[in-house]
């Protein structure tokens, strides 16, 4: 009985994941808007954890920065560069976002 439930749950999980992959496969690369959303979410997460990027952990004020402070700075062959400007301090952070939506790096200068 437990095994049947486990297999059914696993099958449901696989269907959900494969549907998500298929949706992304149609598009190939994420859009600039999605890259901006990914960078905005990453900035918030980086206020409480250092993810090993060049810039390290961001100060807590970044968690309140609106996504309107983020914009695509450039589209490179395999990634986006998203620039964030803190509205109060003027501090800039550049995010390197892969075409699949993964954050590759974040730093204070756009020299990826």
C-alpha atoms as a PDB file:
ATOM      1  CA  UNK A   1       0.000   0.000   0.000  1.00  0.00           C
ATOM      2  CA  UNK A   2       2.766   2.438   0.952  1.00  0.00           C
ATOM      3  CA  UNK A   3       4.745   1.471  -2.137  1.00  0.00           C
ATOM      4  CA  UNK A   4       1.768   2.224  -4.415  1.00  0.00           C
ATOM      5  CA  UNK A   5       1.416   5.701  -2.877  1.00  0.00           C
ATOM      6  CA  UNK A   6       5.141   6.300  -3.217  1.00  0.00           C
ATOM      7  CA  UNK A   7       5.154   5.273  -6.885  1.00  0.00           C
ATOM      8  CA  UNK A   8       2.054   7.378  -7.601  1.00  0.00           C
ATOM      9  CA  UNK A   9       3.658  10.392  -5.923  1.00  0.00           C
ATOM     10  CA  UNK A  10       6.879   9.897  -7.860  1.00  0.00           C
ATOM     11  CA  UNK A  11       4.982   9.583 -11.142  1.00  0.00           C
ATOM     12  CA  UNK A  12       3.053  12.791 -10.412  1.00  0.00           C
ATOM     13  CA  UNK A  13       6.280  14.615  -9.582  1.00  0.00           C
ATOM     14  CA  UNK A  14       7.903  13.467 -12.811  1.00  0.00           C
ATOM     15  CA  UNK A  15       4.886  14.620 -14.845  1.00  0.00           C
ATOM     16  CA  UNK A  16       4.980  18.053 -13.245  1.00  0.00           C
ATOM     17  CA  UNK A  17       8.731  18.411 -13.804  1.00  0.00           C
ATOM     18  CA  UNK A  18       8.610  17.182 -17.397  1.00  0.00           C
ATOM     19  CA  UNK A  19       5.757  19.596 -18.167  1.00  0.00           C
ATOM     20  CA  UNK A  20       7.862  22.453 -16.812  1.00  0.00           C
ATOM     21  CA  UNK A  21      10.850  21.367 -18.902  1.00  0.00           C
ATOM     22  CA  UNK A  22       8.701  21.066 -22.022  1.00  0.00           C
ATOM     23  CA  UNK A  23       7.354  24.583 -21.500  1.00  0.00           C
ATOM     24  CA  UNK A  24      10.889  25.960 -21.368  1.00  0.00           C
ATOM     25  CA  UNK A  25      12.098  23.797 -24.245  1.00  0.00           C
ATOM     26  CA  UNK A  26       9.687  25.567 -26.581  1.00  0.00           C
ATOM     27  CA  UNK A  27      11.398  28.867 -25.926  1.00  0.00           C
ATOM     28  CA  UNK A  28      15.049  27.828 -25.670  1.00  0.00           C
ATOM     29  CA  UNK A  29      16.232  30.944 -23.861  1.00  0.00           C
ATOM     30  CA  UNK A  30      14.602  32.991 -21.164  1.00  0.00           C
ATOM     31  CA  UNK A  31      13.438  36.504 -22.005  1.00  0.00           C
ATOM     32  CA  UNK A  32      15.048  39.691 -20.769  1.00  0.00           C
ATOM     33  CA  UNK A  33      12.063  40.244 -18.463  1.00  0.00           C
ATOM     34  CA  UNK A  34      12.570  36.822 -16.888  1.00  0.00           C
ATOM     35  CA  UNK A  35      16.298  37.575 -16.474  1.00  0.00           C
ATOM     36  CA  UNK A  36      15.346  40.775 -14.626  1.00  0.00           C
ATOM     37  CA  UNK A  37      12.945  38.849 -12.370  1.00  0.00           C
ATOM     38  CA  UNK A  38      15.625  36.234 -11.642  1.00  0.00           C
ATOM     39  CA  UNK A  39      18.153  38.955 -10.730  1.00  0.00           C
ATOM     40  CA  UNK A  40      15.650  40.760  -8.474  1.00  0.00           C
ATOM     41  CA  UNK A  41      14.880  37.522  -6.629  1.00  0.00           C
ATOM     42  CA  UNK A  42      18.599  36.707  -6.356  1.00  0.00           C
ATOM     43  CA  UNK A  43      19.328  40.123  -4.846  1.00  0.00           C
ATOM     44  CA  UNK A  44      16.739  39.524  -2.127  1.00  0.00           C
ATOM     45  CA  UNK A  45      18.175  36.064  -1.398  1.00  0.00           C
ATOM     46  CA  UNK A  46      21.703  37.488  -1.282  1.00  0.00           C
ATOM     47  CA  UNK A  47      20.729  39.731   1.656  1.00  0.00           C
ATOM     48  CA  UNK A  48      20.752  36.743   3.972  1.00  0.00           C
ATOM     49  CA  UNK A  49      23.222  34.364   2.313  1.00  0.00           C
ATOM     50  CA  UNK A  50      26.555  34.598   0.506  1.00  0.00           C
ATOM     51  CA  UNK A  51      26.209  32.437  -2.605  1.00  0.00           C
ATOM     52  CA  UNK A  52      29.921  32.580  -3.403  1.00  0.00           C
ATOM     53  CA  UNK A  53      29.656  35.281  -6.072  1.00  0.00           C
ATOM     54  CA  UNK A  54      32.276  38.030  -6.356  1.00  0.00           C
ATOM     55  CA  UNK A  55      30.065  40.562  -4.580  1.00  0.00           C
ATOM     56  CA  UNK A  56      29.325  38.323  -1.582  1.00  0.00           C
ATOM     57  CA  UNK A  57      26.371  38.973   0.689  1.00  0.00           C
ATOM     58  CA  UNK A  58      24.345  42.137   0.036  1.00  0.00           C
ATOM     59  CA  UNK A  59      23.263  44.409   2.889  1.00  0.00           C
ATOM     60  CA  UNK A  60      19.698  44.050   4.133  1.00  0.00           C
ATOM     61  CA  UNK A  61      18.396  47.154   2.364  1.00  0.00           C
ATOM     62  CA  UNK A  62      18.519  45.279  -0.968  1.00  0.00           C
ATOM     63  CA  UNK A  63      15.556  43.123   0.059  1.00  0.00           C
ATOM     64  CA  UNK A  64      13.311  46.201  -0.288  1.00  0.00           C
ATOM     65  CA  UNK A  65      14.595  47.232  -3.740  1.00  0.00           C
ATOM     66  CA  UNK A  66      11.831  47.015  -6.334  1.00  0.00           C
ATOM     67  CA  UNK A  67      12.295  45.083  -9.566  1.00  0.00           C
ATOM     68  CA  UNK A  68      11.899  48.426 -11.375  1.00  0.00           C
ATOM     69  CA  UNK A  69      15.479  49.162 -10.240  1.00  0.00           C
ATOM     70  CA  UNK A  70      16.675  46.216 -12.355  1.00  0.00           C
ATOM     71  CA  UNK A  71      17.185  46.302 -16.129  1.00  0.00           C
ATOM     72  CA  UNK A  72      18.934  44.302 -18.836  1.00  0.00           C
ATOM     73  CA  UNK A  73      22.313  45.966 -19.434  1.00  0.00           C
ATOM     74  CA  UNK A  74      23.263  43.658 -22.297  1.00  0.00           C
ATOM     75  CA  UNK A  75      22.406  40.417 -24.028  1.00  0.00           C
ATOM     76  CA  UNK A  76      25.473  38.327 -24.738  1.00  0.00           C
ATOM     77  CA  UNK A  77      25.712  35.110 -26.700  1.00  0.00           C
ATOM     78  CA  UNK A  78      24.908  32.780 -23.806  1.00  0.00           C
ATOM     79  CA  UNK A  79      23.726  35.077 -21.027  1.00  0.00           C
ATOM     80  CA  UNK A  80      22.119  38.332 -19.965  1.00  0.00           C
ATOM     81  CA  UNK A  81      23.779  41.011 -17.879  1.00  0.00           C
ATOM     82  CA  UNK A  82      21.213  42.605 -15.582  1.00  0.00           C
ATOM     83  CA  UNK A  83      22.095  45.866 -13.827  1.00  0.00           C
ATOM     84  CA  UNK A  84      20.546  46.782 -10.496  1.00  0.00           C
ATOM     85  CA  UNK A  85      20.847  50.253  -9.011  1.00  0.00           C
ATOM     86  CA  UNK A  86      19.979  50.728  -5.351  1.00  0.00           C
ATOM     87  CA  UNK A  87      17.589  53.710  -5.274  1.00  0.00           C
ATOM     88  CA  UNK A  88      18.933  55.090  -1.978  1.00  0.00           C
ATOM     89  CA  UNK A  89      22.679  54.442  -2.113  1.00  0.00           C
ATOM     90  CA  UNK A  90      23.202  54.386  -5.880  1.00  0.00           C
ATOM     91  CA  UNK A  91      25.164  51.140  -5.426  1.00  0.00           C
ATOM     92  CA  UNK A  92      25.219  49.021  -8.589  1.00  0.00           C
ATOM     93  CA  UNK A  93      25.206  45.254  -8.843  1.00  0.00           C
ATOM     94  CA  UNK A  94      25.540  43.370 -12.118  1.00  0.00           C
ATOM     95  CA  UNK A  95      24.103  39.887 -12.458  1.00  0.00           C
ATOM     96  CA  UNK A  96      25.186  37.368 -15.073  1.00  0.00           C
ATOM     97  CA  UNK A  97      22.075  35.303 -15.866  1.00  0.00           C
ATOM     98  CA  UNK A  98      22.416  32.211 -18.066  1.00  0.00           C
ATOM     99  CA  UNK A  99      19.981  31.584 -20.899  1.00  0.00           C
ATOM    100  CA  UNK A 100      18.370  28.865 -18.782  1.00  0.00           C
ATOM    101  CA  UNK A 101      17.671  31.291 -15.910  1.00  0.00           C
ATOM    102  CA  UNK A 102      20.529  30.353 -13.583  1.00  0.00           C
ATOM    103  CA  UNK A 103      22.484  33.095 -11.812  1.00  0.00           C
ATOM    104  CA  UNK A 104      26.115  32.573 -12.812  1.00  0.00           C
ATOM    105  CA  UNK A 105      27.727  35.515 -11.031  1.00  0.00           C
ATOM    106  CA  UNK A 106      27.074  38.872  -9.382  1.00  0.00           C
ATOM    107  CA  UNK A 107      29.556  41.705  -8.970  1.00  0.00           C
ATOM    108  CA  UNK A 108      29.929  45.473  -8.705  1.00  0.00           C
ATOM    109  CA  UNK A 109      31.331  45.895 -12.222  1.00  0.00           C
ATOM    110  CA  UNK A 110      30.110  44.743 -15.625  1.00  0.00           C
ATOM    111  CA  UNK A 111      33.245  42.860 -16.652  1.00  0.00           C
ATOM    112  CA  UNK A 112      31.981  39.331 -17.155  1.00  0.00           C
END
